Protein backbone atom coordinates (compact mmCIF):
# COMPACT_ATOMS: atom_id res chain seq x y z
CA UNK A 1 0.00 0.00 0.00
CA UNK A 2 2.98 2.30 0.38
CA UNK A 3 3.21 2.92 -3.34
CA UNK A 4 -0.40 4.12 -3.69
CA UNK A 5 0.35 7.57 -2.29
CA UNK A 6 3.22 8.03 -4.75
CA UNK A 7 1.03 6.95 -7.62
CA UNK A 8 -1.84 9.25 -6.65
CA UNK A 9 0.49 12.21 -6.21
CA UNK A 10 2.11 11.36 -9.55
CA UNK A 11 -1.25 11.44 -11.32
CA UNK A 12 -2.07 14.75 -9.62
CA UNK A 13 1.23 16.23 -10.80
CA UNK A 14 0.55 15.04 -14.34
CA UNK A 15 -2.86 16.70 -14.21
CA UNK A 16 -1.29 19.90 -12.86
CA UNK A 17 1.32 19.84 -15.62
CA UNK A 18 -1.35 19.42 -18.28
CA UNK A 19 -3.30 22.27 -16.71
CA UNK A 20 -0.21 24.47 -16.89
CA UNK A 21 0.18 23.58 -20.57
CA UNK A 22 -3.45 24.56 -21.11
CA UNK A 23 -2.84 27.89 -19.33
CA UNK A 24 0.18 28.54 -21.56
CA UNK A 25 -1.91 27.73 -24.62
CA UNK A 26 -4.65 30.07 -23.41
CA UNK A 27 -2.10 32.83 -22.84
CA UNK A 28 -0.70 32.42 -26.34
CA UNK A 29 -4.00 32.38 -28.27
CA UNK A 30 -5.42 35.60 -26.83
CA UNK A 31 -5.65 38.84 -28.78
CA UNK A 32 -2.42 40.08 -27.20
CA UNK A 33 -0.25 36.95 -26.58
CA UNK A 34 2.13 37.22 -23.65
CA UNK A 35 5.12 35.51 -25.21
CA UNK A 36 7.70 36.36 -22.56
CA UNK A 37 5.43 35.32 -19.71
CA UNK A 38 4.59 31.98 -21.30
CA UNK A 39 8.22 30.79 -21.48
CA UNK A 40 8.88 30.31 -17.76
CA UNK A 41 5.39 28.90 -17.26
CA UNK A 42 6.07 26.33 -19.98
CA UNK A 43 9.30 25.31 -18.24
CA UNK A 44 7.44 24.95 -14.93
CA UNK A 45 4.80 22.82 -16.66
CA UNK A 46 7.46 20.53 -18.13
CA UNK A 47 9.13 20.06 -14.75
CA UNK A 48 5.83 19.34 -12.97
CA UNK A 49 4.70 16.93 -15.70
CA UNK A 50 7.99 15.02 -15.71
CA UNK A 51 7.96 14.86 -11.92
CA UNK A 52 4.55 13.21 -12.06
CA UNK A 53 5.74 10.69 -14.63
CA UNK A 54 8.76 9.92 -12.45
CA UNK A 55 6.59 9.31 -9.38
CA UNK A 56 4.37 6.92 -11.33
CA UNK A 57 7.46 5.03 -12.56
CA UNK A 58 8.77 4.74 -9.00
CA UNK A 59 5.38 3.54 -7.71
CA UNK A 60 5.18 0.91 -10.46
CA UNK A 61 8.71 -0.29 -9.72
CA UNK A 62 7.87 -0.51 -6.00
CA UNK A 63 4.79 -2.59 -6.76
CA UNK A 64 6.79 -4.95 -8.99
CA UNK A 65 9.49 -5.33 -6.33
CA UNK A 66 6.91 -6.14 -3.66
CA UNK A 67 5.36 -8.84 -5.83
CA UNK A 68 8.77 -10.27 -6.73
CA UNK A 69 9.86 -10.26 -3.08
CA UNK A 70 6.67 -12.04 -2.05
CA UNK A 71 7.36 -14.77 -4.61
CA UNK A 72 10.97 -15.23 -3.53
CA UNK A 73 10.37 -15.29 0.22
CA UNK A 74 7.58 -17.88 0.21
CA UNK A 75 8.22 -20.50 2.87
CA UNK A 76 9.26 -23.75 1.31
CA UNK A 77 7.84 -27.00 2.53
CA UNK A 78 10.45 -29.44 3.74
CA UNK A 79 11.19 -32.27 1.37
CA UNK A 80 9.51 -35.54 2.29
CA UNK A 81 11.82 -37.88 4.15
CA UNK A 82 12.87 -41.01 2.42
CA UNK A 83 13.23 -44.12 4.41
CA UNK A 84 16.69 -45.52 3.96
CA UNK A 85 17.08 -49.19 3.34
CA UNK A 86 19.19 -50.99 5.88
CA UNK A 87 22.00 -52.88 4.23
CA UNK A 88 23.01 -56.12 5.75
CA UNK A 89 26.60 -56.03 4.64
CA UNK A 90 28.81 -56.18 1.58
CA UNK A 91 27.57 -57.99 -1.47
CA UNK A 92 28.08 -61.74 -1.60
CA UNK A 93 30.10 -61.61 -4.84
CA UNK A 94 33.22 -60.26 -3.16
PDB file of N, CA and C in Angstrom:
ATOM      1  N   UNK A   1       0.808  -1.203   0.000  1.00  0.00           N
ATOM      2  CA  UNK A   1       0.000   0.000   0.000  1.00  0.00           C
ATOM      3  C   UNK A   1       0.851   1.267   0.000  1.00  0.00           C
ATOM      4  N   UNK A   2       2.141   1.115   0.272  1.00  0.00           N
ATOM      5  CA  UNK A   2       2.981   2.300   0.379  1.00  0.00           C
ATOM      6  C   UNK A   2       3.128   3.025  -0.948  1.00  0.00           C
ATOM      7  N   UNK A   3       2.993   2.303  -2.038  1.00  0.00           N
ATOM      8  CA  UNK A   3       3.214   2.918  -3.339  1.00  0.00           C
ATOM      9  C   UNK A   3       1.990   3.670  -3.841  1.00  0.00           C
ATOM     10  N   UNK A   4       0.823   3.457  -3.215  1.00  0.00           N
ATOM     11  CA  UNK A   4      -0.397   4.120  -3.692  1.00  0.00           C
ATOM     12  C   UNK A   4      -0.316   5.630  -3.546  1.00  0.00           C
ATOM     13  N   UNK A   5       0.264   6.111  -2.467  1.00  0.00           N
ATOM     14  CA  UNK A   5       0.351   7.567  -2.290  1.00  0.00           C
ATOM     15  C   UNK A   5       1.236   8.187  -3.366  1.00  0.00           C
ATOM     16  N   UNK A   6       2.355   7.507  -3.693  1.00  0.00           N
ATOM     17  CA  UNK A   6       3.220   8.026  -4.749  1.00  0.00           C
ATOM     18  C   UNK A   6       2.495   8.056  -6.092  1.00  0.00           C
ATOM     19  N   UNK A   7       1.722   7.010  -6.341  1.00  0.00           N
ATOM     20  CA  UNK A   7       1.034   6.952  -7.624  1.00  0.00           C
ATOM     21  C   UNK A   7      -0.059   8.017  -7.719  1.00  0.00           C
ATOM     22  N   UNK A   8      -0.791   8.218  -6.647  1.00  0.00           N
ATOM     23  CA  UNK A   8      -1.842   9.248  -6.653  1.00  0.00           C
ATOM     24  C   UNK A   8      -1.238  10.634  -6.816  1.00  0.00           C
ATOM     25  N   UNK A   9      -0.170  10.904  -6.083  1.00  0.00           N
ATOM     26  CA  UNK A   9       0.488  12.213  -6.207  1.00  0.00           C
ATOM     27  C   UNK A   9       1.070  12.382  -7.609  1.00  0.00           C
ATOM     28  N   UNK A  10       1.593  11.296  -8.179  1.00  0.00           N
ATOM     29  CA  UNK A  10       2.111  11.362  -9.548  1.00  0.00           C
ATOM     30  C   UNK A  10       1.033  11.727 -10.543  1.00  0.00           C
ATOM     31  N   UNK A  11      -0.151  11.103 -10.406  1.00  0.00           N
ATOM     32  CA  UNK A  11      -1.249  11.443 -11.317  1.00  0.00           C
ATOM     33  C   UNK A  11      -1.713  12.883 -11.113  1.00  0.00           C
ATOM     34  N   UNK A  12      -1.700  13.351  -9.867  1.00  0.00           N
ATOM     35  CA  UNK A  12      -2.074  14.749  -9.616  1.00  0.00           C
ATOM     36  C   UNK A  12      -1.068  15.719 -10.240  1.00  0.00           C
ATOM     37  N   UNK A  13       0.217  15.366 -10.173  1.00  0.00           N
ATOM     38  CA  UNK A  13       1.229  16.226 -10.796  1.00  0.00           C
ATOM     39  C   UNK A  13       1.104  16.218 -12.316  1.00  0.00           C
ATOM     40  N   UNK A  14       0.764  15.073 -12.894  1.00  0.00           N
ATOM     41  CA  UNK A  14       0.550  15.037 -14.343  1.00  0.00           C
ATOM     42  C   UNK A  14      -0.623  15.919 -14.718  1.00  0.00           C
ATOM     43  N   UNK A  15      -1.694  15.846 -13.940  1.00  0.00           N
ATOM     44  CA  UNK A  15      -2.858  16.701 -14.212  1.00  0.00           C
ATOM     45  C   UNK A  15      -2.494  18.176 -14.064  1.00  0.00           C
ATOM     46  N   UNK A  16      -1.702  18.502 -13.045  1.00  0.00           N
ATOM     47  CA  UNK A  16      -1.288  19.896 -12.858  1.00  0.00           C
ATOM     48  C   UNK A  16      -0.403  20.360 -14.017  1.00  0.00           C
ATOM     49  N   UNK A  17       0.486  19.489 -14.476  1.00  0.00           N
ATOM     50  CA  UNK A  17       1.325  19.844 -15.622  1.00  0.00           C
ATOM     51  C   UNK A  17       0.512  20.073 -16.877  1.00  0.00           C
ATOM     52  N   UNK A  18      -0.481  19.222 -17.114  1.00  0.00           N
ATOM     53  CA  UNK A  18      -1.347  19.424 -18.276  1.00  0.00           C
ATOM     54  C   UNK A  18      -2.160  20.701 -18.151  1.00  0.00           C
ATOM     55  N   UNK A  19      -2.580  21.014 -16.923  1.00  0.00           N
ATOM     56  CA  UNK A  19      -3.302  22.275 -16.708  1.00  0.00           C
ATOM     57  C   UNK A  19      -2.397  23.472 -17.011  1.00  0.00           C
ATOM     58  N   UNK A  20      -1.135  23.382 -16.592  1.00  0.00           N
ATOM     59  CA  UNK A  20      -0.205  24.470 -16.890  1.00  0.00           C
ATOM     60  C   UNK A  20       0.000  24.614 -18.398  1.00  0.00           C
ATOM     61  N   UNK A  21       0.070  23.503 -19.117  1.00  0.00           N
ATOM     62  CA  UNK A  21       0.182  23.585 -20.570  1.00  0.00           C
ATOM     63  C   UNK A  21      -1.057  24.239 -21.178  1.00  0.00           C
ATOM     64  N   UNK A  22      -2.225  23.928 -20.626  1.00  0.00           N
ATOM     65  CA  UNK A  22      -3.449  24.565 -21.105  1.00  0.00           C
ATOM     66  C   UNK A  22      -3.426  26.073 -20.839  1.00  0.00           C
ATOM     67  N   UNK A  23      -2.930  26.463 -19.666  1.00  0.00           N
ATOM     68  CA  UNK A  23      -2.840  27.893 -19.335  1.00  0.00           C
ATOM     69  C   UNK A  23      -1.891  28.591 -20.302  1.00  0.00           C
ATOM     70  N   UNK A  24      -0.754  27.942 -20.600  1.00  0.00           N
ATOM     71  CA  UNK A  24       0.185  28.537 -21.558  1.00  0.00           C
ATOM     72  C   UNK A  24      -0.470  28.674 -22.926  1.00  0.00           C
ATOM     73  N   UNK A  25      -1.199  27.659 -23.339  1.00  0.00           N
ATOM     74  CA  UNK A  25      -1.910  27.728 -24.618  1.00  0.00           C
ATOM     75  C   UNK A  25      -2.926  28.871 -24.616  1.00  0.00           C
ATOM     76  N   UNK A  26      -3.661  29.000 -23.510  1.00  0.00           N
ATOM     77  CA  UNK A  26      -4.654  30.070 -23.412  1.00  0.00           C
ATOM     78  C   UNK A  26      -3.990  31.440 -23.436  1.00  0.00           C
ATOM     79  N   UNK A  27      -2.825  31.550 -22.824  1.00  0.00           N
ATOM     80  CA  UNK A  27      -2.103  32.826 -22.838  1.00  0.00           C
ATOM     81  C   UNK A  27      -1.652  33.173 -24.253  1.00  0.00           C
ATOM     82  N   UNK A  28      -1.255  32.156 -25.010  1.00  0.00           N
ATOM     83  CA  UNK A  28      -0.700  32.419 -26.342  1.00  0.00           C
ATOM     84  C   UNK A  28      -1.752  32.656 -27.420  1.00  0.00           C
ATOM     85  N   UNK A  29      -2.989  32.204 -27.206  1.00  0.00           N
ATOM     86  CA  UNK A  29      -4.000  32.378 -28.266  1.00  0.00           C
ATOM     87  C   UNK A  29      -4.926  33.562 -28.007  1.00  0.00           C
ATOM     88  N   UNK A  30      -4.600  34.413 -27.071  1.00  0.00           N
ATOM     89  CA  UNK A  30      -5.418  35.599 -26.830  1.00  0.00           C
ATOM     90  C   UNK A  30      -5.147  36.651 -27.910  1.00  0.00           C
ATOM     91  N   UNK A  31      -5.858  37.755 -27.808  1.00  0.00           N
ATOM     92  CA  UNK A  31      -5.651  38.842 -28.775  1.00  0.00           C
ATOM     93  C   UNK A  31      -4.252  39.431 -28.659  1.00  0.00           C
ATOM     94  N   UNK A  32      -3.778  39.576 -27.436  1.00  0.00           N
ATOM     95  CA  UNK A  32      -2.418  40.079 -27.203  1.00  0.00           C
ATOM     96  C   UNK A  32      -1.635  38.976 -26.488  1.00  0.00           C
ATOM     97  N   UNK A  33      -0.971  38.069 -27.225  1.00  0.00           N
ATOM     98  CA  UNK A  33      -0.254  36.953 -26.576  1.00  0.00           C
ATOM     99  C   UNK A  33       0.915  37.454 -25.730  1.00  0.00           C
ATOM    100  N   UNK A  34       1.045  36.869 -24.563  1.00  0.00           N
ATOM    101  CA  UNK A  34       2.130  37.217 -23.651  1.00  0.00           C
ATOM    102  C   UNK A  34       3.259  36.205 -23.844  1.00  0.00           C
ATOM    103  N   UNK A  35       4.095  36.478 -24.817  1.00  0.00           N
ATOM    104  CA  UNK A  35       5.118  35.510 -25.213  1.00  0.00           C
ATOM    105  C   UNK A  35       6.186  35.362 -24.135  1.00  0.00           C
ATOM    106  N   UNK A  36       6.652  36.455 -23.574  1.00  0.00           N
ATOM    107  CA  UNK A  36       7.703  36.364 -22.564  1.00  0.00           C
ATOM    108  C   UNK A  36       7.214  35.707 -21.279  1.00  0.00           C
ATOM    109  N   UNK A  37       5.964  35.902 -20.931  1.00  0.00           N
ATOM    110  CA  UNK A  37       5.431  35.320 -19.709  1.00  0.00           C
ATOM    111  C   UNK A  37       5.146  33.819 -19.865  1.00  0.00           C
ATOM    112  N   UNK A  38       4.931  33.383 -21.097  1.00  0.00           N
ATOM    113  CA  UNK A  38       4.593  31.980 -21.297  1.00  0.00           C
ATOM    114  C   UNK A  38       5.817  31.064 -21.257  1.00  0.00           C
ATOM    115  N   UNK A  39       6.997  31.602 -21.492  1.00  0.00           N
ATOM    116  CA  UNK A  39       8.222  30.791 -21.484  1.00  0.00           C
ATOM    117  C   UNK A  39       8.508  30.135 -20.141  1.00  0.00           C
ATOM    118  N   UNK A  40       8.628  30.931 -19.058  1.00  0.00           N
ATOM    119  CA  UNK A  40       8.879  30.310 -17.759  1.00  0.00           C
ATOM    120  C   UNK A  40       7.747  29.392 -17.302  1.00  0.00           C
ATOM    121  N   UNK A  41       6.515  29.749 -17.650  1.00  0.00           N
ATOM    122  CA  UNK A  41       5.387  28.904 -17.262  1.00  0.00           C
ATOM    123  C   UNK A  41       5.428  27.560 -17.998  1.00  0.00           C
ATOM    124  N   UNK A  42       5.905  27.581 -19.231  1.00  0.00           N
ATOM    125  CA  UNK A  42       6.073  26.333 -19.980  1.00  0.00           C
ATOM    126  C   UNK A  42       7.135  25.461 -19.320  1.00  0.00           C
ATOM    127  N   UNK A  43       8.240  26.059 -18.909  1.00  0.00           N
ATOM    128  CA  UNK A  43       9.297  25.310 -18.239  1.00  0.00           C
ATOM    129  C   UNK A  43       8.795  24.707 -16.933  1.00  0.00           C
ATOM    130  N   UNK A  44       8.027  25.464 -16.176  1.00  0.00           N
ATOM    131  CA  UNK A  44       7.443  24.950 -14.929  1.00  0.00           C
ATOM    132  C   UNK A  44       6.504  23.787 -15.231  1.00  0.00           C
ATOM    133  N   UNK A  45       5.698  23.902 -16.278  1.00  0.00           N
ATOM    134  CA  UNK A  45       4.797  22.818 -16.657  1.00  0.00           C
ATOM    135  C   UNK A  45       5.548  21.558 -17.033  1.00  0.00           C
ATOM    136  N   UNK A  46       6.659  21.705 -17.751  1.00  0.00           N
ATOM    137  CA  UNK A  46       7.464  20.534 -18.132  1.00  0.00           C
ATOM    138  C   UNK A  46       8.028  19.858 -16.893  1.00  0.00           C
ATOM    139  N   UNK A  47       8.547  20.641 -15.965  1.00  0.00           N
ATOM    140  CA  UNK A  47       9.134  20.062 -14.753  1.00  0.00           C
ATOM    141  C   UNK A  47       8.075  19.348 -13.917  1.00  0.00           C
ATOM    142  N   UNK A  48       6.909  19.955 -13.764  1.00  0.00           N
ATOM    143  CA  UNK A  48       5.834  19.344 -12.969  1.00  0.00           C
ATOM    144  C   UNK A  48       5.345  18.061 -13.649  1.00  0.00           C
ATOM    145  N   UNK A  49       5.166  18.098 -14.960  1.00  0.00           N
ATOM    146  CA  UNK A  49       4.696  16.933 -15.703  1.00  0.00           C
ATOM    147  C   UNK A  49       5.688  15.777 -15.601  1.00  0.00           C
ATOM    148  N   UNK A  50       6.970  16.069 -15.802  1.00  0.00           N
ATOM    149  CA  UNK A  50       7.988  15.016 -15.715  1.00  0.00           C
ATOM    150  C   UNK A  50       8.137  14.481 -14.301  1.00  0.00           C
ATOM    151  N   UNK A  51       7.936  15.341 -13.306  1.00  0.00           N
ATOM    152  CA  UNK A  51       7.956  14.864 -11.923  1.00  0.00           C
ATOM    153  C   UNK A  51       6.836  13.875 -11.655  1.00  0.00           C
ATOM    154  N   UNK A  52       5.668  14.144 -12.207  1.00  0.00           N
ATOM    155  CA  UNK A  52       4.549  13.211 -12.056  1.00  0.00           C
ATOM    156  C   UNK A  52       4.826  11.884 -12.731  1.00  0.00           C
ATOM    157  N   UNK A  53       5.399  11.924 -13.933  1.00  0.00           N
ATOM    158  CA  UNK A  53       5.744  10.686 -14.627  1.00  0.00           C
ATOM    159  C   UNK A  53       6.773   9.898 -13.827  1.00  0.00           C
ATOM    160  N   UNK A  54       7.736  10.600 -13.246  1.00  0.00           N
ATOM    161  CA  UNK A  54       8.760   9.921 -12.446  1.00  0.00           C
ATOM    162  C   UNK A  54       8.140   9.243 -11.219  1.00  0.00           C
ATOM    163  N   UNK A  55       7.233   9.918 -10.540  1.00  0.00           N
ATOM    164  CA  UNK A  55       6.590   9.314  -9.375  1.00  0.00           C
ATOM    165  C   UNK A  55       5.782   8.081  -9.758  1.00  0.00           C
ATOM    166  N   UNK A  56       5.125   8.101 -10.900  1.00  0.00           N
ATOM    167  CA  UNK A  56       4.373   6.925 -11.335  1.00  0.00           C
ATOM    168  C   UNK A  56       5.328   5.781 -11.663  1.00  0.00           C
ATOM    169  N   UNK A  57       6.475   6.086 -12.276  1.00  0.00           N
ATOM    170  CA  UNK A  57       7.459   5.035 -12.556  1.00  0.00           C
ATOM    171  C   UNK A  57       7.989   4.419 -11.270  1.00  0.00           C
ATOM    172  N   UNK A  58       8.259   5.247 -10.276  1.00  0.00           N
ATOM    173  CA  UNK A  58       8.766   4.744  -9.000  1.00  0.00           C
ATOM    174  C   UNK A  58       7.713   3.888  -8.298  1.00  0.00           C
ATOM    175  N   UNK A  59       6.453   4.309  -8.340  1.00  0.00           N
ATOM    176  CA  UNK A  59       5.384   3.536  -7.708  1.00  0.00           C
ATOM    177  C   UNK A  59       5.203   2.194  -8.401  1.00  0.00           C
ATOM    178  N   UNK A  60       5.305   2.172  -9.724  1.00  0.00           N
ATOM    179  CA  UNK A  60       5.184   0.910 -10.458  1.00  0.00           C
ATOM    180  C   UNK A  60       6.349  -0.010 -10.139  1.00  0.00           C
ATOM    181  N   UNK A  61       7.543   0.524 -10.065  1.00  0.00           N
ATOM    182  CA  UNK A  61       8.707  -0.293  -9.715  1.00  0.00           C
ATOM    183  C   UNK A  61       8.583  -0.834  -8.292  1.00  0.00           C
ATOM    184  N   UNK A  62       8.062  -0.045  -7.375  1.00  0.00           N
ATOM    185  CA  UNK A  62       7.873  -0.515  -5.999  1.00  0.00           C
ATOM    186  C   UNK A  62       6.865  -1.649  -5.946  1.00  0.00           C
ATOM    187  N   UNK A  63       5.799  -1.525  -6.721  1.00  0.00           N
ATOM    188  CA  UNK A  63       4.789  -2.586  -6.757  1.00  0.00           C
ATOM    189  C   UNK A  63       5.381  -3.875  -7.324  1.00  0.00           C
ATOM    190  N   UNK A  64       6.172  -3.772  -8.388  1.00  0.00           N
ATOM    191  CA  UNK A  64       6.792  -4.951  -8.987  1.00  0.00           C
ATOM    192  C   UNK A  64       7.763  -5.593  -8.012  1.00  0.00           C
ATOM    193  N   UNK A  65       8.536  -4.781  -7.299  1.00  0.00           N
ATOM    194  CA  UNK A  65       9.485  -5.328  -6.327  1.00  0.00           C
ATOM    195  C   UNK A  65       8.767  -6.026  -5.178  1.00  0.00           C
ATOM    196  N   UNK A  66       7.659  -5.484  -4.727  1.00  0.00           N
ATOM    197  CA  UNK A  66       6.907  -6.144  -3.657  1.00  0.00           C
ATOM    198  C   UNK A  66       6.372  -7.494  -4.109  1.00  0.00           C
ATOM    199  N   UNK A  67       5.861  -7.568  -5.326  1.00  0.00           N
ATOM    200  CA  UNK A  67       5.358  -8.843  -5.831  1.00  0.00           C
ATOM    201  C   UNK A  67       6.499  -9.838  -6.025  1.00  0.00           C
ATOM    202  N   UNK A  68       7.627  -9.385  -6.530  1.00  0.00           N
ATOM    203  CA  UNK A  68       8.771 -10.274  -6.729  1.00  0.00           C
ATOM    204  C   UNK A  68       9.308 -10.766  -5.386  1.00  0.00           C
ATOM    205  N   UNK A  69       9.367  -9.876  -4.408  1.00  0.00           N
ATOM    206  CA  UNK A  69       9.861 -10.257  -3.085  1.00  0.00           C
ATOM    207  C   UNK A  69       8.920 -11.271  -2.426  1.00  0.00           C
ATOM    208  N   UNK A  70       7.628 -11.103  -2.631  1.00  0.00           N
ATOM    209  CA  UNK A  70       6.672 -12.043  -2.052  1.00  0.00           C
ATOM    210  C   UNK A  70       6.828 -13.422  -2.683  1.00  0.00           C
ATOM    211  N   UNK A  71       7.167 -13.478  -3.966  1.00  0.00           N
ATOM    212  CA  UNK A  71       7.362 -14.770  -4.612  1.00  0.00           C
ATOM    213  C   UNK A  71       8.655 -15.443  -4.188  1.00  0.00           C
ATOM    214  N   UNK A  72       9.679 -14.668  -3.902  1.00  0.00           N
ATOM    215  CA  UNK A  72      10.971 -15.234  -3.526  1.00  0.00           C
ATOM    216  C   UNK A  72      10.972 -15.713  -2.083  1.00  0.00           C
ATOM    217  N   UNK A  73      10.297 -15.019  -1.203  1.00  0.00           N
ATOM    218  CA  UNK A  73      10.370 -15.290   0.223  1.00  0.00           C
ATOM    219  C   UNK A  73       9.324 -16.309   0.692  1.00  0.00           C
ATOM    220  N   UNK A  74       8.589 -16.911  -0.201  1.00  0.00           N
ATOM    221  CA  UNK A  74       7.584 -17.882   0.207  1.00  0.00           C
ATOM    222  C   UNK A  74       8.244 -19.000   1.010  1.00  0.00           C
ATOM    223  N   UNK A  75       7.622 -19.405   2.111  1.00  0.00           N
ATOM    224  CA  UNK A  75       8.217 -20.503   2.874  1.00  0.00           C
ATOM    225  C   UNK A  75       8.115 -21.809   2.097  1.00  0.00           C
ATOM    226  N   UNK A  76       9.237 -22.492   2.025  1.00  0.00           N
ATOM    227  CA  UNK A  76       9.265 -23.752   1.306  1.00  0.00           C
ATOM    228  C   UNK A  76       8.907 -24.889   2.250  1.00  0.00           C
ATOM    229  N   UNK A  77       8.174 -25.828   1.734  1.00  0.00           N
ATOM    230  CA  UNK A  77       7.840 -26.995   2.534  1.00  0.00           C
ATOM    231  C   UNK A  77       9.051 -27.912   2.558  1.00  0.00           C
ATOM    232  N   UNK A  78       9.297 -28.537   3.698  1.00  0.00           N
ATOM    233  CA  UNK A  78      10.447 -29.437   3.738  1.00  0.00           C
ATOM    234  C   UNK A  78      10.205 -30.648   2.827  1.00  0.00           C
ATOM    235  N   UNK A  79      11.297 -31.124   2.269  1.00  0.00           N
ATOM    236  CA  UNK A  79      11.191 -32.270   1.366  1.00  0.00           C
ATOM    237  C   UNK A  79      10.749 -33.494   2.160  1.00  0.00           C
ATOM    238  N   UNK A  80       9.944 -34.340   1.563  1.00  0.00           N
ATOM    239  CA  UNK A  80       9.512 -35.536   2.294  1.00  0.00           C
ATOM    240  C   UNK A  80      10.707 -36.440   2.583  1.00  0.00           C
ATOM    241  N   UNK A  81      10.704 -37.026   3.756  1.00  0.00           N
ATOM    242  CA  UNK A  81      11.824 -37.879   4.151  1.00  0.00           C
ATOM    243  C   UNK A  81      11.708 -39.228   3.475  1.00  0.00           C
ATOM    244  N   UNK A  82      12.834 -39.687   3.004  1.00  0.00           N
ATOM    245  CA  UNK A  82      12.873 -41.015   2.421  1.00  0.00           C
ATOM    246  C   UNK A  82      13.361 -41.984   3.486  1.00  0.00           C
ATOM    247  N   UNK A  83      12.749 -43.102   3.469  1.00  0.00           N
ATOM    248  CA  UNK A  83      13.232 -44.117   4.408  1.00  0.00           C
ATOM    249  C   UNK A  83      14.409 -44.824   3.768  1.00  0.00           C
ATOM    250  N   UNK A  84      15.498 -44.891   4.501  1.00  0.00           N
ATOM    251  CA  UNK A  84      16.692 -45.518   3.960  1.00  0.00           C
ATOM    252  C   UNK A  84      16.631 -47.016   4.193  1.00  0.00           C
ATOM    253  N   UNK A  85      17.054 -47.727   3.206  1.00  0.00           N
ATOM    254  CA  UNK A  85      17.077 -49.193   3.337  1.00  0.00           C
ATOM    255  C   UNK A  85      18.291 -49.593   4.169  1.00  0.00           C
ATOM    256  N   UNK A  86      18.086 -50.516   5.031  1.00  0.00           N
ATOM    257  CA  UNK A  86      19.187 -50.985   5.878  1.00  0.00           C
ATOM    258  C   UNK A  86      19.918 -52.088   5.125  1.00  0.00           C
ATOM    259  N   UNK A  87      21.207 -51.891   4.945  1.00  0.00           N
ATOM    260  CA  UNK A  87      21.996 -52.877   4.227  1.00  0.00           C
ATOM    261  C   UNK A  87      22.581 -53.867   5.244  1.00  0.00           C
ATOM    262  N   UNK A  88      22.524 -55.068   4.858  1.00  0.00           N
ATOM    263  CA  UNK A  88      23.009 -56.122   5.751  1.00  0.00           C
ATOM    264  C   UNK A  88      24.525 -56.203   5.760  1.00  0.00           C
ATOM    265  N   UNK A  89      25.142 -55.935   4.695  1.00  0.00           N
ATOM    266  CA  UNK A  89      26.597 -56.028   4.642  1.00  0.00           C
ATOM    267  C   UNK A  89      27.056 -55.914   3.206  1.00  0.00           C
ATOM    268  N   UNK A  90      28.307 -56.256   2.930  1.00  0.00           N
ATOM    269  CA  UNK A  90      28.814 -56.178   1.580  1.00  0.00           C
ATOM    270  C   UNK A  90      28.130 -57.236   0.693  1.00  0.00           C
ATOM    271  N   UNK A  91      28.161 -56.997  -0.592  1.00  0.00           N
ATOM    272  CA  UNK A  91      27.567 -57.990  -1.473  1.00  0.00           C
ATOM    273  C   UNK A  91      28.268 -59.337  -1.378  1.00  0.00           C
ATOM    274  N   UNK A  92      27.570 -60.373  -1.739  1.00  0.00           N
ATOM    275  CA  UNK A  92      28.085 -61.739  -1.602  1.00  0.00           C
ATOM    276  C   UNK A  92      29.168 -62.025  -2.646  1.00  0.00           C
ATOM    277  N   UNK A  93      29.169 -61.310  -3.747  1.00  0.00           N
ATOM    278  CA  UNK A  93      30.103 -61.605  -4.836  1.00  0.00           C
ATOM    279  C   UNK A  93      31.553 -61.272  -4.511  1.00  0.00           C
ATOM    280  N   UNK A  94      31.856 -60.678  -3.454  1.00  0.00           N
ATOM    281  CA  UNK A  94      33.220 -60.259  -3.164  1.00  0.00           C
ATOM    282  C   UNK A  94      34.009 -61.452  -2.902  1.00  0.00           C
TER     283      UNK A  94
END
